[in-house]
C-alpha cells in the first residue's frame, strides 16, 4: 500500500501550445503541443516519480470523458492513481508559451459541479481506502466552487487525528480554512501569503510572528516560494532563505509543484532542512528548463542544487 496520499479535488487535462510569437487578437499556430494529466496533484506525482519515489497514490475527483483521458495519461506515465468518479466533467487547463519572449499565459476552467452526495461518498471513499495505511497526506491544489473548504478540512482532520503528517499547498479560502488545522507543512507562494493573511515576506518580524501562531496549532514548517527571488523555510528554531545563483528561464508552469516534490522527497529521505530546501528549489528551477509541468531531468536538479545559496 502507498504511504503517501496526494489529494487533488480539481485535476485537469493540461494542454500547452508553444508558439513563436503570440497574437492575442489573431490566429496562433502551435509549433508544438504538450498534453499532460494535470492539476497540482498529478504534477506533484510526476515530480516524485522523476525523483525516484513511487510509493504514493494520487486521489480526489475525476469525471466524464476528460476524466477518462486524464486517467489514461496518468496510467501511461506510471503515476499511481485511485480517483473517486463523479458525473460531471473534469476541467481542461490551457496554456500558451511564447518562445520569443519566454512568457506564458494560462486559462483554467473552474472545474466540475460536485453534488453534496458525491462529496460525502468521496470523503468516505478516501478515508476507508487510505486512513489505515498512509503516513502522510498532501493537499495539492484547490477545488471546484461547488466544494466548500470546510469539507476538505474535515477530511484532513480525520487523518491528522490519526497522527498522519499533513502537507498543504493550496490558496484562497481553502488555504485559510485548512491552515487553521495546524498541518505539518504549509507551502505557499508570497502572493498567496499576502492575499490570504496580509503578510509581506520582507517583514521578517511579522513573518516569524505568523509562523509562531501556526506553530501553536501544530505546524512545523512554513515554506514560502518567491519566484526568481528563491524561497524561505521557517521552522521552530530557524528561518532559512534560499536564493538562486542565476535565472535559467521564465517558463514557470508547474515549478511550485516541482518545488514541493523536492520538499516532500527530502522529508521522506530524512534530510536536514537546509538540504530539503535546496532540493525543493533545485526541482522548481529545473522545471523551468523543459516544457510541461514537473517535466525535468535529475541531472539538472543535481547541478542546480550545488548552486543554491543559503542564508540564515
Protein backbone atom coordinates (compact mmCIF):
# COMPACT_ATOMS: atom_id res chain seq x y z
CA UNK A 1 0.00 0.00 0.00
CA UNK A 2 1.06 3.57 -0.66
CA UNK A 3 2.46 5.53 2.27
CA UNK A 4 1.84 8.97 0.72
CA UNK A 5 -1.61 10.17 -0.34
CA UNK A 6 -1.80 13.12 -2.73
CA UNK A 7 -5.23 14.76 -2.76
CA UNK A 8 -6.36 16.96 -5.62
CA UNK A 9 -10.04 17.79 -5.87
CA UNK A 10 -9.73 19.62 -9.18
CA UNK A 11 -7.39 17.77 -11.55
CA UNK A 12 -7.22 18.80 -15.19
CA UNK A 13 -6.19 17.89 -18.67
CA UNK A 14 -3.28 20.26 -19.36
CA UNK A 15 -2.76 21.43 -22.94
CA UNK A 16 0.26 23.68 -23.56
CA UNK A 17 0.72 25.21 -27.02
CA UNK A 18 4.19 26.51 -27.88
CA UNK A 19 4.16 29.41 -30.36
CA UNK A 20 6.93 31.60 -31.75
CA UNK A 21 5.03 34.83 -31.18
CA UNK A 22 1.61 35.12 -29.55
CA UNK A 23 -1.04 37.34 -31.11
CA UNK A 24 -3.85 37.90 -28.57
CA UNK A 25 -6.20 39.19 -31.28
CA UNK A 26 -5.34 36.85 -34.15
CA UNK A 27 -4.95 33.19 -35.05
CA UNK A 28 -1.97 31.42 -33.50
CA UNK A 29 -0.44 28.22 -34.83
CA UNK A 30 1.30 25.95 -32.37
CA UNK A 31 4.80 24.72 -33.20
CA UNK A 32 4.40 22.09 -30.52
CA UNK A 33 1.62 20.81 -28.28
CA UNK A 34 2.28 19.25 -24.87
CA UNK A 35 -0.66 17.31 -23.39
CA UNK A 36 -0.35 16.01 -19.84
CA UNK A 37 -2.57 14.87 -16.99
CA UNK A 38 -2.57 17.95 -14.83
CA UNK A 39 -3.70 19.74 -11.75
CA UNK A 40 -1.27 20.19 -8.88
CA UNK A 41 -1.71 16.65 -7.58
CA UNK A 42 -0.77 14.96 -10.86
CA UNK A 43 2.12 17.41 -11.25
CA UNK A 44 3.39 16.54 -7.78
CA UNK A 45 3.11 12.84 -8.54
CA UNK A 46 5.13 13.33 -11.73
CA UNK A 47 7.82 15.18 -9.77
CA UNK A 48 8.07 12.47 -7.11
CA UNK A 49 8.25 9.74 -9.74
CA UNK A 50 11.05 11.59 -11.54
CA UNK A 51 12.94 11.86 -8.24
CA UNK A 52 12.71 8.09 -7.86
CA UNK A 53 9.85 7.75 -5.37
CA UNK A 54 6.69 5.89 -6.36
CA UNK A 55 5.15 4.73 -3.07
CA UNK A 56 2.33 7.25 -3.38
CA UNK A 57 -1.14 7.48 -4.86
CA UNK A 58 -2.97 10.43 -6.42
CA UNK A 59 -6.61 10.62 -5.42
CA UNK A 60 -9.51 13.05 -5.40
CA UNK A 61 -12.15 13.54 -8.07
CA UNK A 62 -12.37 12.74 -11.78
CA UNK A 63 -15.37 12.73 -14.09
CA UNK A 64 -16.61 12.34 -17.65
CA UNK A 65 -14.73 11.86 -20.91
CA UNK A 66 -11.97 14.29 -19.94
CA UNK A 67 -11.53 12.44 -16.66
CA UNK A 68 -11.04 9.21 -18.61
CA UNK A 69 -8.35 10.87 -20.72
CA UNK A 70 -6.61 12.14 -17.58
CA UNK A 71 -6.64 8.65 -16.05
CA UNK A 72 -5.36 7.05 -19.24
CA UNK A 73 -2.48 9.53 -19.41
CA UNK A 74 -1.65 9.01 -15.72
CA UNK A 75 -1.56 5.25 -16.27
CA UNK A 76 0.64 5.72 -19.34
CA UNK A 77 3.12 7.73 -17.26
CA UNK A 78 3.05 5.16 -14.48
CA UNK A 79 1.71 7.66 -11.93
CA UNK A 80 -0.26 5.67 -9.31
CA UNK A 81 -3.85 6.91 -9.09
CA UNK A 82 -7.15 5.97 -7.48
CA UNK A 83 -9.82 8.63 -8.03
CA UNK A 84 -13.45 8.84 -6.98
CA UNK A 85 -15.66 9.26 -10.05
CA UNK A 86 -18.44 11.83 -10.41
CA UNK A 87 -20.98 12.54 -13.16
CA UNK A 88 -19.74 15.96 -14.28
CA UNK A 89 -16.72 16.65 -16.49
CA UNK A 90 -13.12 17.13 -15.34
CA UNK A 91 -11.75 20.51 -16.42
CA UNK A 92 -9.22 21.48 -19.09
CA UNK A 93 -6.36 23.90 -18.44
CA UNK A 94 -5.00 25.76 -21.46
CA UNK A 95 -1.53 27.31 -21.61
CA UNK A 96 0.27 29.19 -24.36
CA UNK A 97 4.02 29.69 -24.22
CA UNK A 98 5.63 32.34 -26.42
CA UNK A 99 9.18 31.34 -27.31
CA UNK A 100 10.26 34.80 -28.43
CA UNK A 101 9.59 36.35 -25.01
CA UNK A 102 9.71 33.32 -22.72
CA UNK A 103 6.32 34.31 -21.32
CA UNK A 104 3.33 32.02 -20.91
CA UNK A 105 -0.39 32.56 -20.34
CA UNK A 106 -2.76 30.15 -18.61
CA UNK A 107 -6.54 29.78 -18.77
CA UNK A 108 -8.06 27.44 -16.19
CA UNK A 109 -11.62 26.18 -16.30
CA UNK A 110 -13.39 26.27 -12.93
CA UNK A 111 -13.96 22.56 -12.70
CA UNK A 112 -16.94 20.22 -12.37
CA UNK A 113 -20.05 20.53 -10.27
CA UNK A 114 -19.75 18.10 -7.36
CA UNK A 115 -23.02 17.29 -5.61
CA UNK A 116 -23.24 17.04 -1.81
CA UNK A 117 -23.91 13.31 -2.10
CA UNK A 118 -20.89 12.80 -4.36
CA UNK A 119 -18.65 14.74 -1.99
CA UNK A 120 -19.78 12.74 1.05
CA UNK A 121 -19.19 9.50 -0.84
CA UNK A 122 -15.78 10.76 -1.97
CA UNK A 123 -14.75 11.54 1.62
CA UNK A 124 -15.80 8.05 2.75
CA UNK A 125 -14.01 6.52 -0.24
CA UNK A 126 -10.71 8.23 0.63
CA UNK A 127 -10.99 7.59 4.37
CA UNK A 128 -11.90 3.92 4.00
CA UNK A 129 -9.14 3.19 1.48
CA UNK A 130 -6.23 5.14 2.96
CA UNK A 131 -6.65 6.12 6.62
CA UNK A 132 -5.15 2.89 7.92
CA UNK A 133 -2.16 2.75 5.58
CA UNK A 134 -0.70 6.14 4.64
CA UNK A 135 1.88 8.05 6.69
CA UNK A 136 1.36 11.46 5.12
CA UNK A 137 -1.34 13.32 3.21
CA UNK A 138 -0.66 16.16 0.79
CA UNK A 139 -3.45 18.53 -0.18
CA UNK A 140 -2.26 19.76 -3.55
CA UNK A 141 -4.31 22.45 -5.28
CA UNK A 142 -7.78 23.86 -4.90
CA UNK A 143 -11.28 22.60 -5.54
CA UNK A 144 -14.26 23.42 -7.75
CA UNK A 145 -16.56 26.15 -6.40
CA UNK A 146 -19.17 23.52 -5.51
CA UNK A 147 -16.91 22.07 -2.78
CA UNK A 148 -16.90 24.04 0.45
CA UNK A 149 -13.46 24.36 2.13
CA UNK A 150 -14.75 23.09 5.48
CA UNK A 151 -15.38 19.66 3.93
CA UNK A 152 -11.75 19.42 2.85
CA UNK A 153 -10.62 20.44 6.33
CA UNK A 154 -12.95 17.82 7.80
CA UNK A 155 -11.25 15.11 5.73
CA UNK A 156 -7.74 16.31 6.57
CA UNK A 157 -8.64 16.45 10.26
CA UNK A 158 -9.55 12.77 10.20
CA UNK A 159 -6.03 11.95 9.01
CA UNK A 160 -4.40 14.40 11.41
CA UNK A 161 -6.27 12.84 14.34
CA UNK A 162 -4.70 9.53 13.27
CA UNK A 163 -1.23 11.17 13.56
CA UNK A 164 -0.61 11.41 9.82
CA UNK A 165 1.64 14.21 8.57
CA UNK A 166 -0.38 16.79 6.63
CA UNK A 167 1.14 18.98 3.92
CA UNK A 168 -0.96 21.67 2.25
CA UNK A 169 -0.28 23.55 -0.97
CA UNK A 170 -3.40 25.47 -1.86
CA UNK A 171 -4.75 29.02 -1.96
CA UNK A 172 -7.68 31.29 -1.20
CA UNK A 173 -10.39 30.27 1.24
CA UNK A 174 -9.24 26.64 1.30
CA UNK A 175 -5.80 27.80 2.43
CA UNK A 176 -7.22 29.96 5.21
CA UNK A 177 -9.55 27.24 6.45
CA UNK A 178 -7.00 24.40 6.31
CA UNK A 179 -4.10 26.42 7.76
CA UNK A 180 -6.10 26.59 10.99
CA UNK A 181 -5.86 22.82 11.17
CA UNK A 182 -2.16 23.08 12.08
CA UNK A 183 -0.75 20.91 9.27
CA UNK A 184 2.84 19.69 9.48
CA UNK A 185 3.85 21.84 6.49
CA UNK A 186 2.26 24.77 4.70
CA UNK A 187 3.78 25.57 1.32
CA UNK A 188 2.63 28.89 -0.10
CA UNK A 189 3.87 31.50 -2.55
CA UNK A 190 4.47 35.06 -1.41
CA UNK A 191 1.47 36.46 -3.30
CA UNK A 192 -0.86 33.93 -1.67
CA UNK A 193 0.67 34.73 1.73
CA UNK A 194 -0.09 38.40 1.28
CA UNK A 195 -3.57 37.87 -0.20
CA UNK A 196 -4.74 35.35 2.40
CA UNK A 197 -3.02 36.63 5.54
CA UNK A 198 -1.70 40.12 4.79
CA UNK A 199 1.92 39.09 5.48
CA UNK A 200 4.82 40.55 3.46
CA UNK A 201 7.87 38.30 3.22
CA UNK A 202 10.18 41.31 3.59
CA UNK A 203 8.77 41.91 7.08
CA UNK A 204 10.68 39.16 8.87
CA UNK A 205 9.23 40.01 12.28
CA UNK A 206 5.62 39.67 11.09
CA UNK A 207 6.56 36.50 9.23
CA UNK A 208 8.02 34.93 12.36
CA UNK A 209 5.02 36.00 14.45
CA UNK A 210 2.71 34.46 11.86
CA UNK A 211 4.71 31.24 11.99
CA UNK A 212 4.55 31.22 15.80
CA UNK A 213 0.75 31.40 15.59
CA UNK A 214 0.76 28.42 13.21
CA UNK A 215 3.27 26.56 15.36
CA UNK A 216 0.95 26.73 18.36
CA UNK A 217 -1.61 24.88 16.24
CA UNK A 218 0.93 22.19 15.35
CA UNK A 219 2.64 23.42 12.18
CA UNK A 220 6.35 22.55 11.88
CA UNK A 221 7.29 24.16 8.57
CA UNK A 222 6.09 27.26 6.77
CA UNK A 223 7.64 27.40 3.30
CA UNK A 224 7.22 30.43 1.04
CA UNK A 225 8.23 30.37 -2.61
CA UNK A 226 9.25 33.71 -4.10
CA UNK A 227 9.74 33.03 -7.80
CA UNK A 228 13.06 34.35 -9.08
CA UNK A 229 13.96 35.51 -5.56
CA UNK A 230 14.08 31.96 -4.19
CA UNK A 231 12.31 30.61 -1.12
CA UNK A 232 12.05 30.87 2.67
CA UNK A 233 11.67 28.00 5.13
CA UNK A 234 10.59 28.81 8.68
CA UNK A 235 10.83 26.10 11.33
CA UNK A 236 10.60 26.19 15.11
CA UNK A 237 14.22 27.19 15.53
CA UNK A 238 15.35 28.61 12.17
CA UNK A 239 14.42 30.95 9.34
CA UNK A 240 16.35 29.93 6.22
CA UNK A 241 16.48 31.92 2.99
CA UNK A 242 17.38 30.16 -0.26
CA UNK A 243 18.46 32.12 -3.32
CA UNK A 244 19.05 31.07 -6.90
CA UNK A 245 22.50 31.79 -8.27
CA UNK A 246 21.02 32.63 -11.66
CA UNK A 247 17.76 32.67 -13.63
CA UNK A 248 17.52 29.90 -16.20
CA UNK A 249 14.13 30.53 -17.81
CA UNK A 250 10.86 32.41 -17.38
CA UNK A 251 8.85 29.20 -18.02
CA UNK A 252 7.43 28.62 -14.55
CA UNK A 253 4.33 26.46 -15.15
CA UNK A 254 4.45 23.70 -12.54
CA UNK A 255 7.56 24.99 -10.77
CA UNK A 256 5.75 25.31 -7.44
CA UNK A 257 4.63 21.68 -7.70
CA UNK A 258 8.14 20.53 -8.64
CA UNK A 259 9.43 22.51 -5.64
CA UNK A 260 7.00 20.72 -3.32
CA UNK A 261 8.05 17.40 -4.82
CA UNK A 262 11.61 18.11 -3.72
CA UNK A 263 10.44 19.15 -0.25
CA UNK A 264 8.35 16.02 0.26
CA UNK A 265 11.04 13.71 -1.10
CA UNK A 266 13.64 15.36 1.13
CA UNK A 267 11.38 14.77 4.12
CA UNK A 268 10.94 11.12 3.15
CA UNK A 269 14.72 10.72 2.87
CA UNK A 270 15.21 12.31 6.30
CA UNK A 271 17.40 15.16 5.05
CA UNK A 272 18.05 18.21 7.22
CA UNK A 273 16.01 21.31 6.46
CA UNK A 274 18.81 23.09 4.58
CA UNK A 275 19.20 20.17 2.16
CA UNK A 276 15.42 19.85 1.90
CA UNK A 277 15.08 23.50 0.88
CA UNK A 278 17.93 23.17 -1.62
CA UNK A 279 16.35 20.09 -3.17
CA UNK A 280 12.97 21.80 -3.45
CA UNK A 281 14.48 24.88 -5.07
CA UNK A 282 16.56 22.80 -7.47
CA UNK A 283 13.48 20.87 -8.61
CA UNK A 284 11.49 24.07 -9.08
CA UNK A 285 14.27 25.65 -11.13
CA UNK A 286 14.94 22.51 -13.19
CA UNK A 287 11.25 22.55 -14.12
CA UNK A 288 11.77 25.83 -16.00
CA UNK A 289 14.11 24.12 -18.47
CA UNK A 290 11.51 21.78 -20.02
CA UNK A 291 8.00 22.24 -21.41
CA UNK A 292 5.25 20.64 -19.33
CA UNK A 293 4.52 20.90 -15.61
CA UNK A 294 7.01 18.93 -13.50
CA UNK A 295 8.88 17.65 -16.52
CA UNK A 296 12.53 17.91 -15.52
CA UNK A 297 15.81 15.99 -15.52
CA UNK A 298 17.61 14.65 -12.46
CA UNK A 299 20.99 15.81 -13.75
CA UNK A 300 19.65 19.37 -13.88
CA UNK A 301 18.38 19.05 -10.31
CA UNK A 302 21.78 17.90 -9.06
CA UNK A 303 23.64 20.63 -10.93
CA UNK A 304 21.31 23.43 -9.80
CA UNK A 305 21.27 22.18 -6.20
CA UNK A 306 25.01 22.83 -5.96
CA UNK A 307 24.39 26.45 -6.98
CA UNK A 308 21.71 27.28 -4.38
CA UNK A 309 22.79 29.96 -1.90
CA UNK A 310 21.53 29.54 1.68
CA UNK A 311 21.32 32.35 4.25
CA UNK A 312 20.18 32.16 7.89
